[in-house]
Amino acid sequence: MISQPYKLYIERTDPTRNMARFYAMSIDATLFGDVCLTRRWGRIGAKGQTMTHHFEREHDAVVLFLDLIRLKRKRGYATVASGRRSS
């Protein structure tokens, strides 16, 4: 069982470069008791791509979740006001 909800939606936009990207992550429990980290990314307004990682322990999923947040923030991704979320 997941101890707390882990969900994130961030965007990176730059009109001068015609860039409008999103990145979303969540950690959820599977039916079999494992933990899975689901990542989605792509152009805002498009379906994008999905990748799922399966873990036996929640701790391992959280470590990857936090590492990915750190990397995305370095690249310019930022949280969006809840009313403006496009995806």
PDB file of N, CA and C in Angstrom:
ATOM      1  N   MET A   1       0.832  -1.180   0.000  1.00  0.00           N
ATOM      2  CA  MET A   1       0.000   0.000   0.000  1.00  0.00           C
ATOM      3  C   MET A   1       0.882   1.250   0.000  1.00  0.00           C
ATOM      4  N   ILE A   2       0.466   2.232  -0.770  1.00  0.00           N
ATOM      5  CA  ILE A   2       1.201   3.483  -0.884  1.00  0.00           C
ATOM      6  C   ILE A   2       0.897   4.348   0.340  1.00  0.00           C
ATOM      7  N   SER A   3       1.952   4.863   0.980  1.00  0.00           N
ATOM      8  CA  SER A   3       1.767   5.635   2.213  1.00  0.00           C
ATOM      9  C   SER A   3       1.172   7.023   1.966  1.00  0.00           C
ATOM     10  N   GLN A   4       1.442   7.604   0.797  1.00  0.00           N
ATOM     11  CA  GLN A   4       0.868   8.906   0.452  1.00  0.00           C
ATOM     12  C   GLN A   4       0.829   9.020  -1.071  1.00  0.00           C
ATOM     13  N   PRO A   5      -0.020   9.893  -1.609  1.00  0.00           N
ATOM     14  CA  PRO A   5      -0.097  10.010  -3.075  1.00  0.00           C
ATOM     15  C   PRO A   5       1.121  10.737  -3.644  1.00  0.00           C
ATOM     16  N   TYR A   6       1.644  10.223  -4.722  1.00  0.00           N
ATOM     17  CA  TYR A   6       2.749  10.848  -5.432  1.00  0.00           C
ATOM     18  C   TYR A   6       2.272  11.126  -6.844  1.00  0.00           C
ATOM     19  N   LYS A   7       2.018  12.386  -7.150  1.00  0.00           N
ATOM     20  CA  LYS A   7       1.591  12.793  -8.476  1.00  0.00           C
ATOM     21  C   LYS A   7       2.276  14.110  -8.804  1.00  0.00           C
ATOM     22  N   LEU A   8       2.654  14.260 -10.065  1.00  0.00           N
ATOM     23  CA  LEU A   8       3.328  15.475 -10.488  1.00  0.00           C
ATOM     24  C   LEU A   8       2.960  15.770 -11.933  1.00  0.00           C
ATOM     25  N   TYR A   9       2.717  17.038 -12.235  1.00  0.00           N
ATOM     26  CA  TYR A   9       2.517  17.497 -13.606  1.00  0.00           C
ATOM     27  C   TYR A   9       3.305  18.793 -13.749  1.00  0.00           C
ATOM     28  N   ILE A  10       4.254  18.822 -14.689  1.00  0.00           N
ATOM     29  CA  ILE A  10       5.065  20.009 -14.925  1.00  0.00           C
ATOM     30  C   ILE A  10       5.121  20.282 -16.425  1.00  0.00           C
ATOM     31  N   GLU A  11       5.407  21.530 -16.759  1.00  0.00           N
ATOM     32  CA  GLU A  11       5.486  21.927 -18.162  1.00  0.00           C
ATOM     33  C   GLU A  11       6.736  22.753 -18.409  1.00  0.00           C
ATOM     34  N   ARG A  12       7.134  22.748 -19.679  1.00  0.00           N
ATOM     35  CA  ARG A  12       8.247  23.586 -20.129  1.00  0.00           C
ATOM     36  C   ARG A  12       7.803  24.240 -21.433  1.00  0.00           C
ATOM     37  N   THR A  13       7.711  25.556 -21.426  1.00  0.00           N
ATOM     38  CA  THR A  13       7.282  26.258 -22.630  1.00  0.00           C
ATOM     39  C   THR A  13       8.278  27.364 -22.970  1.00  0.00           C
ATOM     40  N   ASP A  14       8.477  27.544 -24.248  1.00  0.00           N
ATOM     41  CA  ASP A  14       9.327  28.624 -24.764  1.00  0.00           C
ATOM     42  C   ASP A  14       8.779  29.005 -26.137  1.00  0.00           C
ATOM     43  N   PRO A  15       7.957  30.057 -26.213  1.00  0.00           N
ATOM     44  CA  PRO A  15       7.351  30.448 -27.486  1.00  0.00           C
ATOM     45  C   PRO A  15       8.365  30.780 -28.574  1.00  0.00           C
ATOM     46  N   THR A  16       9.533  31.296 -28.217  1.00  0.00           N
ATOM     47  CA  THR A  16      10.533  31.645 -29.227  1.00  0.00           C
ATOM     48  C   THR A  16      11.093  30.408 -29.922  1.00  0.00           C
ATOM     49  N   ARG A  17      11.053  29.268 -29.238  1.00  0.00           N
ATOM     50  CA  ARG A  17      11.545  28.008 -29.816  1.00  0.00           C
ATOM     51  C   ARG A  17      10.404  27.072 -30.197  1.00  0.00           C
ATOM     52  N   ASN A  18       9.148  27.558 -30.118  1.00  0.00           N
ATOM     53  CA  ASN A  18       7.965  26.750 -30.394  1.00  0.00           C
ATOM     54  C   ASN A  18       7.955  25.485 -29.527  1.00  0.00           C
ATOM     55  N   MET A  19       8.335  25.652 -28.260  1.00  0.00           N
ATOM     56  CA  MET A  19       8.417  24.515 -27.344  1.00  0.00           C
ATOM     57  C   MET A  19       7.247  24.571 -26.367  1.00  0.00           C
ATOM     58  N   ALA A  20       6.529  23.469 -26.281  1.00  0.00           N
ATOM     59  CA  ALA A  20       5.422  23.349 -25.327  1.00  0.00           C
ATOM     60  C   ALA A  20       5.353  21.881 -24.914  1.00  0.00           C
ATOM     61  N   ARG A  21       6.040  21.528 -23.844  1.00  0.00           N
ATOM     62  CA  ARG A  21       6.153  20.128 -23.414  1.00  0.00           C
ATOM     63  C   ARG A  21       5.555  19.931 -22.030  1.00  0.00           C
ATOM     64  N   PHE A  22       5.102  18.717 -21.783  1.00  0.00           N
ATOM     65  CA  PHE A  22       4.615  18.366 -20.446  1.00  0.00           C
ATOM     66  C   PHE A  22       5.332  17.113 -19.980  1.00  0.00           C
ATOM     67  N   TYR A  23       5.324  16.915 -18.672  1.00  0.00           N
ATOM     68  CA  TYR A  23       5.907  15.726 -18.061  1.00  0.00           C
ATOM     69  C   TYR A  23       5.057  15.416 -16.833  1.00  0.00           C
ATOM     70  N   ALA A  24       4.525  14.215 -16.770  1.00  0.00           N
ATOM     71  CA  ALA A  24       3.660  13.823 -15.658  1.00  0.00           C
ATOM     72  C   ALA A  24       4.151  12.498 -15.083  1.00  0.00           C
ATOM     73  N   MET A  25       4.062  12.369 -13.755  1.00  0.00           N
ATOM     74  CA  MET A  25       4.461  11.133 -13.075  1.00  0.00           C
ATOM     75  C   MET A  25       3.485  10.832 -11.954  1.00  0.00           C
ATOM     76  N   SER A  26       3.329   9.544 -11.673  1.00  0.00           N
ATOM     77  CA  SER A  26       2.541   9.130 -10.509  1.00  0.00           C
ATOM     78  C   SER A  26       3.044   7.779 -10.029  1.00  0.00           C
ATOM     79  N   ILE A  27       2.910   7.560  -8.739  1.00  0.00           N
ATOM     80  CA  ILE A  27       3.251   6.271  -8.139  1.00  0.00           C
ATOM     81  C   ILE A  27       1.950   5.655  -7.650  1.00  0.00           C
ATOM     82  N   ASP A  28       1.690   4.431  -8.083  1.00  0.00           N
ATOM     83  CA  ASP A  28       0.460   3.727  -7.733  1.00  0.00           C
ATOM     84  C   ASP A  28       0.766   2.290  -7.354  1.00  0.00           C
ATOM     85  N   ALA A  29      -0.147   1.690  -6.622  1.00  0.00           N
ATOM     86  CA  ALA A  29      -0.030   0.272  -6.283  1.00  0.00           C
ATOM     87  C   ALA A  29      -0.682  -0.549  -7.399  1.00  0.00           C
ATOM     88  N   THR A  30      -0.102  -1.712  -7.691  1.00  0.00           N
ATOM     89  CA  THR A  30      -0.689  -2.611  -8.676  1.00  0.00           C
ATOM     90  C   THR A  30      -1.622  -3.592  -7.977  1.00  0.00           C
ATOM     91  N   LEU A  31      -2.356  -4.349  -8.739  1.00  0.00           N
ATOM     92  CA  LEU A  31      -3.252  -5.355  -8.173  1.00  0.00           C
ATOM     93  C   LEU A  31      -2.502  -6.470  -7.458  1.00  0.00           C
ATOM     94  N   PHE A  32      -1.225  -6.627  -7.794  1.00  0.00           N
ATOM     95  CA  PHE A  32      -0.429  -7.705  -7.227  1.00  0.00           C
ATOM     96  C   PHE A  32       0.396  -7.271  -6.023  1.00  0.00           C
ATOM     97  N   GLY A  33       0.190  -6.041  -5.552  1.00  0.00           N
ATOM     98  CA  GLY A  33       0.896  -5.571  -4.367  1.00  0.00           C
ATOM     99  C   GLY A  33       2.212  -4.886  -4.643  1.00  0.00           C
ATOM    100  N   ASP A  34       2.617  -4.822  -5.902  1.00  0.00           N
ATOM    101  CA  ASP A  34       3.838  -4.112  -6.253  1.00  0.00           C
ATOM    102  C   ASP A  34       3.534  -2.621  -6.372  1.00  0.00           C
ATOM    103  N   VAL A  35       4.575  -1.849  -6.572  1.00  0.00           N
ATOM    104  CA  VAL A  35       4.439  -0.406  -6.752  1.00  0.00           C
ATOM    105  C   VAL A  35       4.905  -0.077  -8.157  1.00  0.00           C
ATOM    106  N   CYS A  36       4.187   0.818  -8.829  1.00  0.00           N
ATOM    107  CA  CYS A  36       4.626   1.181 -10.171  1.00  0.00           C
ATOM    108  C   CYS A  36       4.683   2.692 -10.328  1.00  0.00           C
ATOM    109  N   LEU A  37       5.742   3.152 -10.971  1.00  0.00           N
ATOM    110  CA  LEU A  37       5.936   4.559 -11.290  1.00  0.00           C
ATOM    111  C   LEU A  37       5.609   4.715 -12.767  1.00  0.00           C
ATOM    112  N   THR A  38       4.619   5.531 -13.076  1.00  0.00           N
ATOM    113  CA  THR A  38       4.205   5.759 -14.458  1.00  0.00           C
ATOM    114  C   THR A  38       4.633   7.163 -14.858  1.00  0.00           C
ATOM    115  N   ARG A  39       5.331   7.241 -15.995  1.00  0.00           N
ATOM    116  CA  ARG A  39       5.792   8.524 -16.517  1.00  0.00           C
ATOM    117  C   ARG A  39       5.125   8.774 -17.862  1.00  0.00           C
ATOM    118  N   ARG A  40       4.650  10.000 -18.078  1.00  0.00           N
ATOM    119  CA  ARG A  40       4.095  10.402 -19.372  1.00  0.00           C
ATOM    120  C   ARG A  40       4.752  11.714 -19.774  1.00  0.00           C
ATOM    121  N   TRP A  41       5.059  11.857 -21.060  1.00  0.00           N
ATOM    122  CA  TRP A  41       5.670  13.080 -21.534  1.00  0.00           C
ATOM    123  C   TRP A  41       5.351  13.281 -23.003  1.00  0.00           C
ATOM    124  N   GLY A  42       5.465  14.532 -23.441  1.00  0.00           N
ATOM    125  CA  GLY A  42       5.232  14.845 -24.843  1.00  0.00           C
ATOM    126  C   GLY A  42       4.871  16.304 -25.028  1.00  0.00           C
ATOM    127  N   ARG A  43       4.360  16.605 -26.211  1.00  0.00           N
ATOM    128  CA  ARG A  43       3.942  17.969 -26.529  1.00  0.00           C
ATOM    129  C   ARG A  43       2.593  18.235 -25.873  1.00  0.00           C
ATOM    130  N   ILE A  44       2.414  19.426 -25.313  1.00  0.00           N
ATOM    131  CA  ILE A  44       1.157  19.785 -24.669  1.00  0.00           C
ATOM    132  C   ILE A  44       0.031  19.688 -25.695  1.00  0.00           C
ATOM    133  N   GLY A  45      -1.034  19.002 -25.321  1.00  0.00           N
ATOM    134  CA  GLY A  45      -2.174  18.805 -26.205  1.00  0.00           C
ATOM    135  C   GLY A  45      -2.136  17.489 -26.961  1.00  0.00           C
ATOM    136  N   ALA A  46      -1.002  16.802 -26.952  1.00  0.00           N
ATOM    137  CA  ALA A  46      -0.857  15.515 -27.623  1.00  0.00           C
ATOM    138  C   ALA A  46      -0.897  14.390 -26.590  1.00  0.00           C
ATOM    139  N   LYS A  47      -1.096  13.187 -27.059  1.00  0.00           N
ATOM    140  CA  LYS A  47      -1.149  12.024 -26.164  1.00  0.00           C
ATOM    141  C   LYS A  47       0.205  11.764 -25.502  1.00  0.00           C
ATOM    142  N   GLY A  48       1.271  11.920 -26.255  1.00  0.00           N
ATOM    143  CA  GLY A  48       2.611  11.718 -25.707  1.00  0.00           C
ATOM    144  C   GLY A  48       2.981  10.252 -25.573  1.00  0.00           C
ATOM    145  N   GLN A  49       4.033   9.999 -24.835  1.00  0.00           N
ATOM    146  CA  GLN A  49       4.543   8.650 -24.615  1.00  0.00           C
ATOM    147  C   GLN A  49       4.396   8.278 -23.146  1.00  0.00           C
ATOM    148  N   THR A  50       4.403   6.975 -22.890  1.00  0.00           N
ATOM    149  CA  THR A  50       4.265   6.476 -21.520  1.00  0.00           C
ATOM    150  C   THR A  50       5.332   5.426 -21.245  1.00  0.00           C
ATOM    151  N   MET A  51       5.855   5.449 -20.020  1.00  0.00           N
ATOM    152  CA  MET A  51       6.798   4.430 -19.565  1.00  0.00           C
ATOM    153  C   MET A  51       6.418   4.060 -18.141  1.00  0.00           C
ATOM    154  N   THR A  52       6.431   2.770 -17.837  1.00  0.00           N
ATOM    155  CA  THR A  52       6.074   2.289 -16.507  1.00  0.00           C
ATOM    156  C   THR A  52       7.235   1.501 -15.921  1.00  0.00           C
ATOM    157  N   HIS A  53       7.560   1.797 -14.667  1.00  0.00           N
ATOM    158  CA  HIS A  53       8.601   1.081 -13.933  1.00  0.00           C
ATOM    159  C   HIS A  53       7.934   0.350 -12.774  1.00  0.00           C
ATOM    160  N   HIS A  54       8.269  -0.914 -12.568  1.00  0.00           N
ATOM    161  CA  HIS A  54       7.699  -1.706 -11.475  1.00  0.00           C
ATOM    162  C   HIS A  54       8.751  -1.923 -10.392  1.00  0.00           C
ATOM    163  N   PHE A  55       8.319  -1.791  -9.145  1.00  0.00           N
ATOM    164  CA  PHE A  55       9.208  -1.946  -7.996  1.00  0.00           C
ATOM    165  C   PHE A  55       8.549  -2.833  -6.953  1.00  0.00           C
ATOM    166  N   GLU A  56       9.359  -3.495  -6.152  1.00  0.00           N
ATOM    167  CA  GLU A  56       8.832  -4.280  -5.035  1.00  0.00           C
ATOM    168  C   GLU A  56       8.602  -3.395  -3.817  1.00  0.00           C
ATOM    169  N   ARG A  57       9.414  -2.323  -3.695  1.00  0.00           N
ATOM    170  CA  ARG A  57       9.305  -1.443  -2.519  1.00  0.00           C
ATOM    171  C   ARG A  57       8.948  -0.026  -2.950  1.00  0.00           C
ATOM    172  N   GLU A  58       8.115   0.622  -2.166  1.00  0.00           N
ATOM    173  CA  GLU A  58       7.721   2.006  -2.428  1.00  0.00           C
ATOM    174  C   GLU A  58       8.934   2.932  -2.390  1.00  0.00           C
ATOM    175  N   HIS A  59       9.852   2.676  -1.473  1.00  0.00           N
ATOM    176  CA  HIS A  59      11.041   3.513  -1.317  1.00  0.00           C
ATOM    177  C   HIS A  59      11.813   3.645  -2.635  1.00  0.00           C
ATOM    178  N   ASP A  60      11.990   2.541  -3.356  1.00  0.00           N
ATOM    179  CA  ASP A  60      12.732   2.567  -4.615  1.00  0.00           C
ATOM    180  C   ASP A  60      12.028   3.431  -5.657  1.00  0.00           C
ATOM    181  N   ALA A  61      10.702   3.352  -5.710  1.00  0.00           N
ATOM    182  CA  ALA A  61       9.932   4.167  -6.648  1.00  0.00           C
ATOM    183  C   ALA A  61      10.053   5.648  -6.293  1.00  0.00           C
ATOM    184  N   VAL A  62      10.017   5.964  -5.013  1.00  0.00           N
ATOM    185  CA  VAL A  62      10.113   7.361  -4.568  1.00  0.00           C
ATOM    186  C   VAL A  62      11.490   7.939  -4.890  1.00  0.00           C
ATOM    187  N   VAL A  63      12.531   7.150  -4.740  1.00  0.00           N
ATOM    188  CA  VAL A  63      13.888   7.614  -5.063  1.00  0.00           C
ATOM    189  C   VAL A  63      13.973   7.993  -6.535  1.00  0.00           C
ATOM    190  N   LEU A  64      13.459   7.148  -7.434  1.00  0.00           N
ATOM    191  CA  LEU A  64      13.468   7.460  -8.857  1.00  0.00           C
ATOM    192  C   LEU A  64      12.590   8.680  -9.143  1.00  0.00           C
ATOM    193  N   PHE A  65      11.428   8.758  -8.516  1.00  0.00           N
ATOM    194  CA  PHE A  65      10.505   9.891  -8.669  1.00  0.00           C
ATOM    195  C   PHE A  65      11.227  11.203  -8.344  1.00  0.00           C
ATOM    196  N   LEU A  66      11.908  11.253  -7.213  1.00  0.00           N
ATOM    197  CA  LEU A  66      12.607  12.468  -6.794  1.00  0.00           C
ATOM    198  C   LEU A  66      13.795  12.797  -7.695  1.00  0.00           C
ATOM    199  N   ASP A  67      14.512  11.782  -8.154  1.00  0.00           N
ATOM    200  CA  ASP A  67      15.627  12.015  -9.079  1.00  0.00           C
ATOM    201  C   ASP A  67      15.132  12.623 -10.387  1.00  0.00           C
ATOM    202  N   LEU A  68      14.028  12.097 -10.898  1.00  0.00           N
ATOM    203  CA  LEU A  68      13.476  12.612 -12.150  1.00  0.00           C
ATOM    204  C   LEU A  68      12.967  14.044 -11.989  1.00  0.00           C
ATOM    205  N   ILE A  69      12.358  14.349 -10.855  1.00  0.00           N
ATOM    206  CA  ILE A  69      11.914  15.726 -10.600  1.00  0.00           C
ATOM    207  C   ILE A  69      13.111  16.670 -10.632  1.00  0.00           C
ATOM    208  N   ARG A  70      14.175  16.270  -9.974  1.00  0.00           N
ATOM    209  CA  ARG A  70      15.384  17.100  -9.921  1.00  0.00           C
ATOM    210  C   ARG A  70      15.930  17.362 -11.329  1.00  0.00           C
ATOM    211  N   LEU A  71      15.991  16.327 -12.151  1.00  0.00           N
ATOM    212  CA  LEU A  71      16.492  16.479 -13.515  1.00  0.00           C
ATOM    213  C   LEU A  71      15.602  17.383 -14.352  1.00  0.00           C
ATOM    214  N   LYS A  72      14.304  17.214 -14.246  1.00  0.00           N
ATOM    215  CA  LYS A  72      13.374  18.019 -15.039  1.00  0.00           C
ATOM    216  C   LYS A  72      13.401  19.482 -14.619  1.00  0.00           C
ATOM    217  N   ARG A  73      13.515  19.749 -13.335  1.00  0.00           N
ATOM    218  CA  ARG A  73      13.588  21.140 -12.865  1.00  0.00           C
ATOM    219  C   ARG A  73      14.861  21.819 -13.387  1.00  0.00           C
ATOM    220  N   LYS A  74      15.962  21.074 -13.452  1.00  0.00           N
ATOM    221  CA  LYS A  74      17.206  21.621 -14.008  1.00  0.00           C
ATOM    222  C   LYS A  74      17.028  22.002 -15.473  1.00  0.00           C
ATOM    223  N   ARG A  75      16.184  21.262 -16.186  1.00  0.00           N
ATOM    224  CA  ARG A  75      15.964  21.509 -17.615  1.00  0.00           C
ATOM    225  C   ARG A  75      14.926  22.587 -17.879  1.00  0.00           C
ATOM    226  N   GLY A  76      14.340  23.154 -16.824  1.00  0.00           N
ATOM    227  CA  GLY A  76      13.426  24.265 -17.020  1.00  0.00           C
ATOM    228  C   GLY A  76      11.954  23.947 -16.847  1.00  0.00           C
ATOM    229  N   TYR A  77      11.609  22.735 -16.459  1.00  0.00           N
ATOM    230  CA  TYR A  77      10.208  22.389 -16.223  1.00  0.00           C
ATOM    231  C   TYR A  77       9.741  23.023 -14.921  1.00  0.00           C
ATOM    232  N   ALA A  78       8.484  23.456 -14.897  1.00  0.00           N
ATOM    233  CA  ALA A  78       7.926  24.100 -13.706  1.00  0.00           C
ATOM    234  C   ALA A  78       6.478  23.674 -13.523  1.00  0.00           C
ATOM    235  N   THR A  79       6.006  23.730 -12.279  1.00  0.00           N
ATOM    236  CA  THR A  79       4.611  23.392 -12.008  1.00  0.00           C
ATOM    237  C   THR A  79       3.712  24.442 -12.640  1.00  0.00           C
ATOM    238  N   VAL A  80       2.463  24.033 -12.880  1.00  0.00           N
ATOM    239  CA  VAL A  80       1.498  24.881 -13.563  1.00  0.00           C
ATOM    240  C   VAL A  80       0.322  25.102 -12.627  1.00  0.00           C
ATOM    241  N   ALA A  81      -0.289  26.262 -12.688  1.00  0.00           N
ATOM    242  CA  ALA A  81      -1.486  26.522 -11.900  1.00  0.00           C
ATOM    243  C   ALA A  81      -2.539  25.490 -12.273  1.00  0.00           C
ATOM    244  N   SER A  82      -3.285  24.987 -11.283  1.00  0.00           N
ATOM    245  CA  SER A  82      -4.216  23.875 -11.507  1.00  0.00           C
ATOM    246  C   SER A  82      -5.276  24.186 -12.552  1.00  0.00           C
ATOM    247  N   GLY A  83      -5.680  25.419 -12.735  1.00  0.00           N
ATOM    248  CA  GLY A  83      -6.699  25.763 -13.717  1.00  0.00           C
ATOM    249  C   GLY A  83      -6.186  25.768 -15.148  1.00  0.00           C
ATOM    250  N   ARG A  84      -4.876  25.773 -15.341  1.00  0.00           N
ATOM    251  CA  ARG A  84      -4.299  25.868 -16.669  1.00  0.00           C
ATOM    252  C   ARG A  84      -3.809  24.547 -17.232  1.00  0.00           C
ATOM    253  N   ARG A  85      -3.946  23.475 -16.497  1.00  0.00           N
ATOM    254  CA  ARG A  85      -3.426  22.171 -16.897  1.00  0.00           C
ATOM    255  C   ARG A  85      -4.063  21.711 -18.194  1.00  0.00           C
ATOM    256  N   SER A  86      -3.249  21.351 -19.185  1.00  0.00           N
ATOM    257  CA  SER A  86      -3.735  21.033 -20.528  1.00  0.00           C
ATOM    258  C   SER A  86      -3.898  19.558 -20.789  1.00  0.00           C
ATOM    259  N   SER A  87      -3.227  18.715 -20.050  1.00  0.00           N
ATOM    260  CA  SER A  87      -3.209  17.307 -20.399  1.00  0.00           C
ATOM    261  C   SER A  87      -3.886  16.436 -19.393  1.00  0.00           C
TER     262      SER A  87
END
